[in-house]
Amino acid sequence: MASFILSELAERLGAQLIGDADCQITSTATLENAQSGQISFLSNSKYRKFLSETAASAVLISQDDISFVAPGVGALVVANPYTAFARVAQLLDNTPAVACGIHPTAVVDDTAVLGDNVAIGANAVISAGVQLGNNVQVGAGCFIGEQASIADNSKIWANATVYHRVRIGQRCIVHSGAVLGADGFGFANERGSWLKIPQTGTVILGDDTEIGANTTIDRGAIEDTIIGNNVIIDNQCQIAHNVKIGDHTAIAGCTVVAGSTKIGRYCIIGGAVVINGHMEICDGANITGMAMVMKPITEKGIYSSGIPATTNQEWRKNTAKLRQIDQLYQRVKQLEKQLATVLPAQDADHQTEE
């Protein structure tokens, strides 16, 4: 298990150290539940009260919170405690390896090219022409299709599927149950019968990208589905064929992105968002949960359309009123027509009097 003394962490973070430089840190925890040997952080002032009560050995804080730290608790003072906590958590990460060595039940085709220190779990299948970079880990039960490539230091967790010719960049993480490169939903209709259109593109993942459990990313119909660098996609998302997602974009769980949509860089898309096909979303757009995007987004900003939950009684009343909206619209139109005929007559009378 990894451990660091506080001075080592301070040096790695470029932090100001307050307290015992030799204090040993072995893991992370919340302020409320931390114990000796653990480090926590404060990034939200509403939890400041826990600084004076925490049993943590050390905390990551901003300059404004130094006076609130309990006596005897070490502190690392940084500009952004949350990102500093993320870096410390990486250093202390004790997540087990996806696989160790090459398991005897793994099936590795003779034409596959394996880099140094590759690990492949039990019952995994590595197909013909696959290229695995240095330190790649492929979990138990994974399928890596023909001519697929996975670059250095990437991890594919158990029971994920990577179809043929899919390309995965460096330091990527693909979680269990994810499917990369399945056919997109491409069909032509001929007199009521569906004709399948072969999906001949592929999926390309950039570097430092993470794909959540049971998320599916479809291969392109002709051109490729492209996921940029440092994109994070949560669990149970659907990314359809020919979608392009720009660098550093984050997509929360259960989001659906229809085909040929282009999403810009640094976008944040909330959970259960639905994005219609052939849309274009500009850089820096922030779409809140449950929104339905039916037209392009061309300006950076926050976009919402989900309806917040209410009591059932209130919802029934509002729904009943909503059903009458067309009748109300027609009545307003009729009133506008009547008003249009009355006003000219009044104007004419007024001119005659003058």
Foldseek 3Di string as FASTA:
>chain_A
DDKDFQLVLCVVQVWDKDADRRQIAQAEDDLQDAARNYEYEDQDCVCLQSQQVGRYQEYEYAPVNPVSHHPNRMYTHDPGRVVSVVVVNVRNPPDDAQFAAEDPQEAADPQEAEEAREGEEHPEYHDHQEYEEHNEYEHHCEYAEANEYAYEQEYEHHQEYAYHPEYHEYNEYEYHQEYFAAAFPDWDADPNDTDHQAQPAGEYEEALEYEEHNEYAHAARHYGEYEYYNEYEYPDEYHGHLEYAEANEYAYELEYEDENEYHYYCEYHEYNEYEDYPEYEYHQAYEYPPHYHDHHHDDHDYHYDDDDDDDPVVVVVVVVVVVCVVVVVVVVVVVVVVVVVVVVVVVVVVVVVD
